[in-house]
Amino acid sequence: MSTQVSFTVANAAVKEKAWKRAKSEGITIKALLNFCMNAYAENTLSLGILPSLADTEFTEANKRAWKKARKDLENGVNIVSWEEMKEKYAF
């Protein structure tokens, strides 16, 4: 059984940009939205807000922090698993 969902995209430019990208990748907007809805329902898609790196001013302190984080990741130290995050922050 199919269910029809209808919604309004407030920003026509965003809709057009998404439509063009989907078309260039050989999919329809309908397929994209179905994929996203299925992934979200199956808990394989999460939504969040991340800061844009384009807005980040890379000072020397930022560069040192990024280098340390990268080194920590490579060495497996100071890394918290998703399960630990869920426990700590009650996701």
C-alpha atoms as a PDB file:
ATOM      1  CA  MET A   1       0.000   0.000   0.000  1.00  0.00           C
ATOM      2  CA  SER A   2       1.283   3.460  -0.864  1.00  0.00           C
ATOM      3  CA  THR A   3       0.741   6.638   1.087  1.00  0.00           C
ATOM      4  CA  GLN A   4       1.015  10.015  -0.549  1.00  0.00           C
ATOM      5  CA  VAL A   5       2.844  12.773   1.290  1.00  0.00           C
ATOM      6  CA  SER A   6       2.611  16.389   0.236  1.00  0.00           C
ATOM      7  CA  PHE A   7       4.607  19.302   1.578  1.00  0.00           C
ATOM      8  CA  THR A   8       5.653  22.773   0.543  1.00  0.00           C
ATOM      9  CA  VAL A   9       9.272  23.758  -0.006  1.00  0.00           C
ATOM     10  CA  ALA A  10       9.553  27.296   1.316  1.00  0.00           C
ATOM     11  CA  ASN A  11      12.620  28.173  -0.737  1.00  0.00           C
ATOM     12  CA  ALA A  12      12.152  27.606  -4.474  1.00  0.00           C
ATOM     13  CA  ALA A  13      15.894  28.015  -5.094  1.00  0.00           C
ATOM     14  CA  VAL A  14      16.657  25.133  -2.713  1.00  0.00           C
ATOM     15  CA  LYS A  15      14.094  22.927  -4.456  1.00  0.00           C
ATOM     16  CA  GLU A  16      15.566  23.775  -7.855  1.00  0.00           C
ATOM     17  CA  LYS A  17      19.131  23.132  -6.669  1.00  0.00           C
ATOM     18  CA  ALA A  18      18.148  19.766  -5.142  1.00  0.00           C
ATOM     19  CA  TRP A  19      16.235  18.817  -8.285  1.00  0.00           C
ATOM     20  CA  LYS A  20      19.216  19.648 -10.520  1.00  0.00           C
ATOM     21  CA  ARG A  21      21.647  17.723  -8.309  1.00  0.00           C
ATOM     22  CA  ALA A  22      19.368  14.683  -8.170  1.00  0.00           C
ATOM     23  CA  LYS A  23      18.908  14.805 -11.938  1.00  0.00           C
ATOM     24  CA  SER A  24      22.673  15.023 -12.477  1.00  0.00           C
ATOM     25  CA  GLU A  25      23.106  11.947 -10.270  1.00  0.00           C
ATOM     26  CA  GLY A  26      20.421  10.053 -12.182  1.00  0.00           C
ATOM     27  CA  ILE A  27      17.729   9.952  -9.512  1.00  0.00           C
ATOM     28  CA  THR A  28      14.392  11.636  -9.013  1.00  0.00           C
ATOM     29  CA  ILE A  29      13.407  13.859  -6.114  1.00  0.00           C
ATOM     30  CA  LYS A  30      10.813  11.213  -5.246  1.00  0.00           C
ATOM     31  CA  ALA A  31      13.546   8.552  -5.008  1.00  0.00           C
ATOM     32  CA  LEU A  32      15.712  10.863  -2.910  1.00  0.00           C
ATOM     33  CA  LEU A  33      12.906  11.634  -0.477  1.00  0.00           C
ATOM     34  CA  ASN A  34      11.909   7.955  -0.243  1.00  0.00           C
ATOM     35  CA  PHE A  35      15.527   7.005   0.442  1.00  0.00           C
ATOM     36  CA  CYS A  36      15.836   9.639   3.165  1.00  0.00           C
ATOM     37  CA  MET A  37      12.533   8.703   4.773  1.00  0.00           C
ATOM     38  CA  ASN A  38      13.423   4.990   4.813  1.00  0.00           C
ATOM     39  CA  ALA A  39      16.897   5.663   6.207  1.00  0.00           C
ATOM     40  CA  TYR A  40      15.466   7.917   8.914  1.00  0.00           C
ATOM     41  CA  ALA A  41      12.824   5.334   9.844  1.00  0.00           C
ATOM     42  CA  GLU A  42      15.491   2.613  10.071  1.00  0.00           C
ATOM     43  CA  ASN A  43      17.718   4.869  12.210  1.00  0.00           C
ATOM     44  CA  THR A  44      20.505   4.918   9.615  1.00  0.00           C
ATOM     45  CA  LEU A  45      20.086   8.649   8.971  1.00  0.00           C
ATOM     46  CA  SER A  46      20.552  11.224  11.687  1.00  0.00           C
ATOM     47  CA  LEU A  47      20.045  14.933  11.443  1.00  0.00           C
ATOM     48  CA  GLY A  48      22.079  17.527  13.260  1.00  0.00           C
ATOM     49  CA  ILE A  49      23.519  20.960  12.976  1.00  0.00           C
ATOM     50  CA  LEU A  50      27.225  21.261  12.346  1.00  0.00           C
ATOM     51  CA  PRO A  51      29.233  24.439  12.169  1.00  0.00           C
ATOM     52  CA  SER A  52      30.361  25.372   8.699  1.00  0.00           C
ATOM     53  CA  LEU A  53      34.112  25.238   8.198  1.00  0.00           C
ATOM     54  CA  ALA A  54      33.713  28.085   5.737  1.00  0.00           C
ATOM     55  CA  ASP A  55      32.821  30.303   8.691  1.00  0.00           C
ATOM     56  CA  THR A  56      35.771  29.138  10.784  1.00  0.00           C
ATOM     57  CA  GLU A  57      38.704  31.442  11.220  1.00  0.00           C
ATOM     58  CA  PHE A  58      41.764  29.202  11.308  1.00  0.00           C
ATOM     59  CA  THR A  59      43.991  30.746  13.912  1.00  0.00           C
ATOM     60  CA  GLU A  60      47.149  29.073  15.143  1.00  0.00           C
ATOM     61  CA  ALA A  61      45.173  27.739  18.128  1.00  0.00           C
ATOM     62  CA  ASN A  62      42.570  26.242  15.750  1.00  0.00           C
ATOM     63  CA  LYS A  63      45.297  24.626  13.672  1.00  0.00           C
ATOM     64  CA  ARG A  64      46.919  23.090  16.766  1.00  0.00           C
ATOM     65  CA  ALA A  65      43.548  21.776  17.974  1.00  0.00           C
ATOM     66  CA  TRP A  66      42.776  20.227  14.566  1.00  0.00           C
ATOM     67  CA  LYS A  67      46.231  18.629  14.378  1.00  0.00           C
ATOM     68  CA  LYS A  68      45.849  17.195  17.897  1.00  0.00           C
ATOM     69  CA  ALA A  69      42.365  15.861  17.117  1.00  0.00           C
ATOM     70  CA  ARG A  70      43.641  14.233  13.928  1.00  0.00           C
ATOM     71  CA  LYS A  71      46.610  12.672  15.759  1.00  0.00           C
ATOM     72  CA  ASP A  72      44.306  11.445  18.542  1.00  0.00           C
ATOM     73  CA  LEU A  73      42.002   9.881  15.954  1.00  0.00           C
ATOM     74  CA  GLU A  74      44.901   8.160  14.203  1.00  0.00           C
ATOM     75  CA  ASN A  75      46.209   6.824  17.545  1.00  0.00           C
ATOM     76  CA  GLY A  76      42.781   5.886  18.898  1.00  0.00           C
ATOM     77  CA  VAL A  77      43.023   8.066  22.000  1.00  0.00           C
ATOM     78  CA  ASN A  78      40.488  10.535  23.380  1.00  0.00           C
ATOM     79  CA  ILE A  79      37.860   8.879  21.188  1.00  0.00           C
ATOM     80  CA  VAL A  80      34.334   8.287  22.487  1.00  0.00           C
ATOM     81  CA  SER A  81      32.159   5.635  20.858  1.00  0.00           C
ATOM     82  CA  TRP A  82      28.603   6.286  19.746  1.00  0.00           C
ATOM     83  CA  GLU A  83      27.373   3.973  22.515  1.00  0.00           C
ATOM     84  CA  GLU A  84      29.294   5.960  25.120  1.00  0.00           C
ATOM     85  CA  MET A  85      27.836   9.204  23.759  1.00  0.00           C
ATOM     86  CA  LYS A  86      24.294   7.789  23.930  1.00  0.00           C
ATOM     87  CA  GLU A  87      24.838   6.714  27.538  1.00  0.00           C
ATOM     88  CA  LYS A  88      26.427   9.990  28.588  1.00  0.00           C
ATOM     89  CA  TYR A  89      23.949  12.300  26.872  1.00  0.00           C
ATOM     90  CA  ALA A  90      20.850  10.023  26.924  1.00  0.00           C
ATOM     91  CA  PHE A  91      20.207   9.970  23.163  1.00  0.00           C
END
